[in-house]
Amino acid sequence: MSNFGFLKADWPEFIGDAQAVEKLVHFDPRGACGRARHLIEQVVLWMYEHDEDLELPYDTGLYNITNEMGFK
């Protein structure tokens, strides 16, 4: 049973990565952290793509896209 089943209906593109993080967390925590960071990046980039008020900065690293003034 997954904690991320709710993603299936509205955000199916994220469920695979979310469930992968969930599976890795107990036997490969570092791997889970890397996958979780990747998932966060994908979710934030999805937000930029679907919100016309957000303008993606030139440098699309996680720090920059989450600290962009319009995103805050």
PDB file of N, CA and C in Angstrom:
ATOM      1  N   MET A   1       0.837  -1.175   0.000  1.00  0.00           N
ATOM      2  CA  MET A   1       0.000   0.000   0.000  1.00  0.00           C
ATOM      3  C   MET A   1       0.888   1.246   0.000  1.00  0.00           C
ATOM      4  N   SER A   2       0.549   2.188  -0.862  1.00  0.00           N
ATOM      5  CA  SER A   2       1.344   3.397  -1.029  1.00  0.00           C
ATOM      6  C   SER A   2       0.678   4.604  -0.372  1.00  0.00           C
ATOM      7  N   ASN A   3       1.502   5.498   0.108  1.00  0.00           N
ATOM      8  CA  ASN A   3       1.001   6.769   0.623  1.00  0.00           C
ATOM      9  C   ASN A   3       0.690   7.747  -0.504  1.00  0.00           C
ATOM     10  N   PHE A   4       1.054   7.372  -1.736  1.00  0.00           N
ATOM     11  CA  PHE A   4       0.932   8.298  -2.856  1.00  0.00           C
ATOM     12  C   PHE A   4      -0.116   7.894  -3.877  1.00  0.00           C
ATOM     13  N   GLY A   5      -1.010   7.021  -3.505  1.00  0.00           N
ATOM     14  CA  GLY A   5      -2.077   6.599  -4.404  1.00  0.00           C
ATOM     15  C   GLY A   5      -2.948   7.751  -4.883  1.00  0.00           C
ATOM     16  N   PHE A   6      -3.052   8.792  -4.067  1.00  0.00           N
ATOM     17  CA  PHE A   6      -3.884   9.945  -4.429  1.00  0.00           C
ATOM     18  C   PHE A   6      -3.353  10.669  -5.667  1.00  0.00           C
ATOM     19  N   LEU A   7      -2.075  10.486  -5.989  1.00  0.00           N
ATOM     20  CA  LEU A   7      -1.503  11.147  -7.162  1.00  0.00           C
ATOM     21  C   LEU A   7      -2.039  10.588  -8.474  1.00  0.00           C
ATOM     22  N   LYS A   8      -2.463   9.345  -8.437  1.00  0.00           N
ATOM     23  CA  LYS A   8      -2.858   8.643  -9.657  1.00  0.00           C
ATOM     24  C   LYS A   8      -3.933   9.389 -10.448  1.00  0.00           C
ATOM     25  N   ALA A   9      -4.909   9.946  -9.774  1.00  0.00           N
ATOM     26  CA  ALA A   9      -6.027  10.593 -10.464  1.00  0.00           C
ATOM     27  C   ALA A   9      -5.633  11.907 -11.137  1.00  0.00           C
ATOM     28  N   ASP A  10      -4.892  12.754 -10.438  1.00  0.00           N
ATOM     29  CA  ASP A  10      -4.610  14.091 -10.958  1.00  0.00           C
ATOM     30  C   ASP A  10      -3.194  14.292 -11.495  1.00  0.00           C
ATOM     31  N   TRP A  11      -2.230  13.579 -10.952  1.00  0.00           N
ATOM     32  CA  TRP A  11      -0.838  13.746 -11.371  1.00  0.00           C
ATOM     33  C   TRP A  11      -0.166  12.393 -11.604  1.00  0.00           C
ATOM     34  N   PRO A  12      -0.625  11.641 -12.578  1.00  0.00           N
ATOM     35  CA  PRO A  12      -0.057  10.307 -12.805  1.00  0.00           C
ATOM     36  C   PRO A  12       1.416  10.343 -13.207  1.00  0.00           C
ATOM     37  N   GLU A  13       1.881  11.472 -13.728  1.00  0.00           N
ATOM     38  CA  GLU A  13       3.278  11.573 -14.138  1.00  0.00           C
ATOM     39  C   GLU A  13       4.242  11.561 -12.947  1.00  0.00           C
ATOM     40  N   PHE A  14       3.725  11.783 -11.745  1.00  0.00           N
ATOM     41  CA  PHE A  14       4.584  11.818 -10.559  1.00  0.00           C
ATOM     42  C   PHE A  14       4.513  10.554  -9.706  1.00  0.00           C
ATOM     43  N   ILE A  15       3.545   9.716  -9.939  1.00  0.00           N
ATOM     44  CA  ILE A  15       3.326   8.582  -9.032  1.00  0.00           C
ATOM     45  C   ILE A  15       4.481   7.580  -9.049  1.00  0.00           C
ATOM     46  N   GLY A  16       5.064   7.339 -10.210  1.00  0.00           N
ATOM     47  CA  GLY A  16       6.171   6.386 -10.295  1.00  0.00           C
ATOM     48  C   GLY A  16       7.355   6.801  -9.445  1.00  0.00           C
ATOM     49  N   ASP A  17       7.757   8.061  -9.564  1.00  0.00           N
ATOM     50  CA  ASP A  17       8.882   8.560  -8.771  1.00  0.00           C
ATOM     51  C   ASP A  17       8.551   8.600  -7.284  1.00  0.00           C
ATOM     52  N   ALA A  18       7.337   8.997  -6.956  1.00  0.00           N
ATOM     53  CA  ALA A  18       6.937   9.058  -5.543  1.00  0.00           C
ATOM     54  C   ALA A  18       6.967   7.669  -4.907  1.00  0.00           C
ATOM     55  N   GLN A  19       6.473   6.687  -5.619  1.00  0.00           N
ATOM     56  CA  GLN A  19       6.478   5.325  -5.083  1.00  0.00           C
ATOM     57  C   GLN A  19       7.889   4.756  -5.026  1.00  0.00           C
ATOM     58  N   ALA A  20       8.754   5.162  -5.952  1.00  0.00           N
ATOM     59  CA  ALA A  20      10.147   4.711  -5.911  1.00  0.00           C
ATOM     60  C   ALA A  20      10.839   5.242  -4.657  1.00  0.00           C
ATOM     61  N   VAL A  21      10.595   6.502  -4.320  1.00  0.00           N
ATOM     62  CA  VAL A  21      11.157   7.083  -3.090  1.00  0.00           C
ATOM     63  C   VAL A  21      10.673   6.288  -1.887  1.00  0.00           C
ATOM     64  N   GLU A  22       9.399   6.004  -1.878  1.00  0.00           N
ATOM     65  CA  GLU A  22       8.790   5.276  -0.767  1.00  0.00           C
ATOM     66  C   GLU A  22       9.411   3.888  -0.596  1.00  0.00           C
ATOM     67  N   LYS A  23       9.716   3.227  -1.693  1.00  0.00           N
ATOM     68  CA  LYS A  23      10.305   1.881  -1.626  1.00  0.00           C
ATOM     69  C   LYS A  23      11.761   1.923  -1.170  1.00  0.00           C
ATOM     70  N   LEU A  24      12.479   2.978  -1.549  1.00  0.00           N
ATOM     71  CA  LEU A  24      13.902   3.063  -1.232  1.00  0.00           C
ATOM     72  C   LEU A  24      14.201   3.540   0.185  1.00  0.00           C
ATOM     73  N   VAL A  25      13.282   4.242   0.799  1.00  0.00           N
ATOM     74  CA  VAL A  25      13.567   4.978   2.024  1.00  0.00           C
ATOM     75  C   VAL A  25      14.157   4.122   3.151  1.00  0.00           C
ATOM     76  N   HIS A  26      13.792   2.866   3.260  1.00  0.00           N
ATOM     77  CA  HIS A  26      14.280   2.048   4.379  1.00  0.00           C
ATOM     78  C   HIS A  26      15.581   1.312   4.097  1.00  0.00           C
ATOM     79  N   PHE A  27      15.856   0.980   2.828  1.00  0.00           N
ATOM     80  CA  PHE A  27      17.087   0.231   2.582  1.00  0.00           C
ATOM     81  C   PHE A  27      18.130   1.023   1.800  1.00  0.00           C
ATOM     82  N   ASP A  28      17.780   2.174   1.257  1.00  0.00           N
ATOM     83  CA  ASP A  28      18.736   3.054   0.588  1.00  0.00           C
ATOM     84  C   ASP A  28      18.311   4.508   0.794  1.00  0.00           C
ATOM     85  N   PRO A  29      18.480   5.018   2.018  1.00  0.00           N
ATOM     86  CA  PRO A  29      18.017   6.374   2.323  1.00  0.00           C
ATOM     87  C   PRO A  29      18.646   7.451   1.439  1.00  0.00           C
ATOM     88  N   ARG A  30      19.928   7.304   1.125  1.00  0.00           N
ATOM     89  CA  ARG A  30      20.578   8.299   0.260  1.00  0.00           C
ATOM     90  C   ARG A  30      19.981   8.278  -1.137  1.00  0.00           C
ATOM     91  N   GLY A  31      19.732   7.091  -1.635  1.00  0.00           N
ATOM     92  CA  GLY A  31      19.084   6.964  -2.940  1.00  0.00           C
ATOM     93  C   GLY A  31      17.688   7.564  -2.921  1.00  0.00           C
ATOM     94  N   ALA A  32      16.982   7.355  -1.818  1.00  0.00           N
ATOM     95  CA  ALA A  32      15.636   7.917  -1.674  1.00  0.00           C
ATOM     96  C   ALA A  32      15.693   9.438  -1.667  1.00  0.00           C
ATOM     97  N   CYS A  33      16.704   9.999  -1.014  1.00  0.00           N
ATOM     98  CA  CYS A  33      16.848  11.464  -0.991  1.00  0.00           C
ATOM     99  C   CYS A  33      17.084  12.012  -2.392  1.00  0.00           C
ATOM    100  N   GLY A  34      17.927  11.336  -3.147  1.00  0.00           N
ATOM    101  CA  GLY A  34      18.184  11.769  -4.520  1.00  0.00           C
ATOM    102  C   GLY A  34      16.934  11.708  -5.377  1.00  0.00           C
ATOM    103  N   ARG A  35      16.196  10.614  -5.249  1.00  0.00           N
ATOM    104  CA  ARG A  35      14.941  10.478  -6.005  1.00  0.00           C
ATOM    105  C   ARG A  35      13.912  11.503  -5.551  1.00  0.00           C
ATOM    106  N   ALA A  36      13.875  11.791  -4.248  1.00  0.00           N
ATOM    107  CA  ALA A  36      12.927  12.782  -3.729  1.00  0.00           C
ATOM    108  C   ALA A  36      13.257  14.172  -4.264  1.00  0.00           C
ATOM    109  N   ARG A  37      14.527  14.501  -4.309  1.00  0.00           N
ATOM    110  CA  ARG A  37      14.928  15.805  -4.860  1.00  0.00           C
ATOM    111  C   ARG A  37      14.528  15.907  -6.323  1.00  0.00           C
ATOM    112  N   HIS A  38      14.771  14.853  -7.068  1.00  0.00           N
ATOM    113  CA  HIS A  38      14.369  14.839  -8.483  1.00  0.00           C
ATOM    114  C   HIS A  38      12.858  15.035  -8.612  1.00  0.00           C
ATOM    115  N   LEU A  39      12.104  14.369  -7.778  1.00  0.00           N
ATOM    116  CA  LEU A  39      10.644  14.502  -7.802  1.00  0.00           C
ATOM    117  C   LEU A  39      10.225  15.940  -7.481  1.00  0.00           C
ATOM    118  N   ILE A  40      10.853  16.545  -6.488  1.00  0.00           N
ATOM    119  CA  ILE A  40      10.536  17.933  -6.141  1.00  0.00           C
ATOM    120  C   ILE A  40      10.822  18.852  -7.328  1.00  0.00           C
ATOM    121  N   GLU A  41      11.967  18.640  -7.987  1.00  0.00           N
ATOM    122  CA  GLU A  41      12.297  19.451  -9.160  1.00  0.00           C
ATOM    123  C   GLU A  41      11.230  19.302 -10.236  1.00  0.00           C
ATOM    124  N   GLN A  42      10.790  18.076 -10.489  1.00  0.00           N
ATOM    125  CA  GLN A  42       9.780  17.832 -11.516  1.00  0.00           C
ATOM    126  C   GLN A  42       8.450  18.495 -11.161  1.00  0.00           C
ATOM    127  N   VAL A  43       8.068  18.439  -9.901  1.00  0.00           N
ATOM    128  CA  VAL A  43       6.807  19.059  -9.467  1.00  0.00           C
ATOM    129  C   VAL A  43       6.880  20.579  -9.619  1.00  0.00           C
ATOM    130  N   VAL A  44       7.990  21.177  -9.196  1.00  0.00           N
ATOM    131  CA  VAL A  44       8.123  22.633  -9.302  1.00  0.00           C
ATOM    132  C   VAL A  44       8.158  23.059 -10.770  1.00  0.00           C
ATOM    133  N   LEU A  45       8.874  22.317 -11.612  1.00  0.00           N
ATOM    134  CA  LEU A  45       8.899  22.645 -13.044  1.00  0.00           C
ATOM    135  C   LEU A  45       7.510  22.492 -13.658  1.00  0.00           C
ATOM    136  N   TRP A  46       6.743  21.514 -13.197  1.00  0.00           N
ATOM    137  CA  TRP A  46       5.359  21.350 -13.661  1.00  0.00           C
ATOM    138  C   TRP A  46       4.560  22.606 -13.311  1.00  0.00           C
ATOM    139  N   MET A  47       4.796  23.127 -12.118  1.00  0.00           N
ATOM    140  CA  MET A  47       4.086  24.336 -11.693  1.00  0.00           C
ATOM    141  C   MET A  47       4.429  25.513 -12.605  1.00  0.00           C
ATOM    142  N   TYR A  48       5.698  25.662 -12.943  1.00  0.00           N
ATOM    143  CA  TYR A  48       6.100  26.734 -13.851  1.00  0.00           C
ATOM    144  C   TYR A  48       5.445  26.560 -15.223  1.00  0.00           C
ATOM    145  N   GLU A  49       5.364  25.337 -15.679  1.00  0.00           N
ATOM    146  CA  GLU A  49       4.786  25.060 -16.996  1.00  0.00           C
ATOM    147  C   GLU A  49       3.285  25.347 -17.042  1.00  0.00           C
ATOM    148  N   HIS A  50       2.591  25.118 -15.944  1.00  0.00           N
ATOM    149  CA  HIS A  50       1.132  25.230 -15.936  1.00  0.00           C
ATOM    150  C   HIS A  50       0.581  26.510 -15.309  1.00  0.00           C
ATOM    151  N   ASP A  51       1.442  27.353 -14.782  1.00  0.00           N
ATOM    152  CA  ASP A  51       0.992  28.625 -14.200  1.00  0.00           C
ATOM    153  C   ASP A  51       1.557  29.761 -15.048  1.00  0.00           C
ATOM    154  N   GLU A  52       0.704  30.414 -15.787  1.00  0.00           N
ATOM    155  CA  GLU A  52       1.165  31.455 -16.706  1.00  0.00           C
ATOM    156  C   GLU A  52       1.760  32.664 -15.991  1.00  0.00           C
ATOM    157  N   ASP A  53       1.522  32.815 -14.711  1.00  0.00           N
ATOM    158  CA  ASP A  53       2.096  33.929 -13.952  1.00  0.00           C
ATOM    159  C   ASP A  53       3.546  33.673 -13.540  1.00  0.00           C
ATOM    160  N   LEU A  54       3.989  32.435 -13.624  1.00  0.00           N
ATOM    161  CA  LEU A  54       5.364  32.102 -13.247  1.00  0.00           C
ATOM    162  C   LEU A  54       6.267  32.157 -14.471  1.00  0.00           C
ATOM    163  N   GLU A  55       7.414  32.802 -14.313  1.00  0.00           N
ATOM    164  CA  GLU A  55       8.394  32.872 -15.392  1.00  0.00           C
ATOM    165  C   GLU A  55       9.632  32.088 -14.970  1.00  0.00           C
ATOM    166  N   LEU A  56       9.970  31.076 -15.738  1.00  0.00           N
ATOM    167  CA  LEU A  56      11.099  30.203 -15.419  1.00  0.00           C
ATOM    168  C   LEU A  56      12.408  30.984 -15.547  1.00  0.00           C
ATOM    169  N   PRO A  57      13.245  30.971 -14.505  1.00  0.00           N
ATOM    170  CA  PRO A  57      14.527  31.675 -14.597  1.00  0.00           C
ATOM    171  C   PRO A  57      15.483  30.952 -15.551  1.00  0.00           C
ATOM    172  N   TYR A  58      16.528  31.667 -15.952  1.00  0.00           N
ATOM    173  CA  TYR A  58      17.513  31.091 -16.870  1.00  0.00           C
ATOM    174  C   TYR A  58      18.151  29.841 -16.268  1.00  0.00           C
ATOM    175  N   ASP A  59      18.586  29.930 -15.016  1.00  0.00           N
ATOM    176  CA  ASP A  59      19.183  28.786 -14.318  1.00  0.00           C
ATOM    177  C   ASP A  59      18.054  28.011 -13.642  1.00  0.00           C
ATOM    178  N   THR A  60      17.810  26.798 -14.109  1.00  0.00           N
ATOM    179  CA  THR A  60      16.667  26.023 -13.617  1.00  0.00           C
ATOM    180  C   THR A  60      17.040  25.033 -12.520  1.00  0.00           C
ATOM    181  N   GLY A  61      18.096  25.341 -11.774  1.00  0.00           N
ATOM    182  CA  GLY A  61      18.432  24.517 -10.622  1.00  0.00           C
ATOM    183  C   GLY A  61      17.365  24.658  -9.544  1.00  0.00           C
ATOM    184  N   LEU A  62      17.251  23.664  -8.698  1.00  0.00           N
ATOM    185  CA  LEU A  62      16.207  23.651  -7.676  1.00  0.00           C
ATOM    186  C   LEU A  62      16.241  24.902  -6.798  1.00  0.00           C
ATOM    187  N   TYR A  63      17.416  25.313  -6.381  1.00  0.00           N
ATOM    188  CA  TYR A  63      17.514  26.512  -5.537  1.00  0.00           C
ATOM    189  C   TYR A  63      16.917  27.722  -6.249  1.00  0.00           C
ATOM    190  N   ASN A  64      17.300  27.907  -7.493  1.00  0.00           N
ATOM    191  CA  ASN A  64      16.838  29.086  -8.233  1.00  0.00           C
ATOM    192  C   ASN A  64      15.344  29.057  -8.524  1.00  0.00           C
ATOM    193  N   ILE A  65      14.821  27.911  -8.895  1.00  0.00           N
ATOM    194  CA  ILE A  65      13.393  27.883  -9.243  1.00  0.00           C
ATOM    195  C   ILE A  65      12.493  27.997  -8.013  1.00  0.00           C
ATOM    196  N   THR A  66      12.990  27.593  -6.857  1.00  0.00           N
ATOM    197  CA  THR A  66      12.168  27.723  -5.648  1.00  0.00           C
ATOM    198  C   THR A  66      12.367  29.061  -4.947  1.00  0.00           C
ATOM    199  N   ASN A  67      13.420  29.790  -5.304  1.00  0.00           N
ATOM    200  CA  ASN A  67      13.665  31.097  -4.693  1.00  0.00           C
ATOM    201  C   ASN A  67      13.340  32.255  -5.628  1.00  0.00           C
ATOM    202  N   GLU A  68      12.818  31.953  -6.782  1.00  0.00           N
ATOM    203  CA  GLU A  68      12.362  32.994  -7.711  1.00  0.00           C
ATOM    204  C   GLU A  68      11.246  33.777  -7.025  1.00  0.00           C
ATOM    205  N   MET A  69      11.293  35.092  -7.121  1.00  0.00           N
ATOM    206  CA  MET A  69      10.342  35.937  -6.403  1.00  0.00           C
ATOM    207  C   MET A  69       8.889  35.574  -6.735  1.00  0.00           C
ATOM    208  N   GLY A  70       8.570  35.334  -7.975  1.00  0.00           N
ATOM    209  CA  GLY A  70       7.200  34.998  -8.365  1.00  0.00           C
ATOM    210  C   GLY A  70       6.731  33.665  -7.809  1.00  0.00           C
ATOM    211  N   PHE A  71       7.661  32.766  -7.551  1.00  0.00           N
ATOM    212  CA  PHE A  71       7.310  31.446  -7.021  1.00  0.00           C
ATOM    213  C   PHE A  71       6.961  31.529  -5.543  1.00  0.00           C
ATOM    214  N   LYS A  72       7.641  32.387  -4.828  1.00  0.00           N
ATOM    215  CA  LYS A  72       7.411  32.518  -3.385  1.00  0.00           C
ATOM    216  C   LYS A  72       6.032  33.049  -3.136  1.00  0.00           C
TER     217      LYS A  72
END
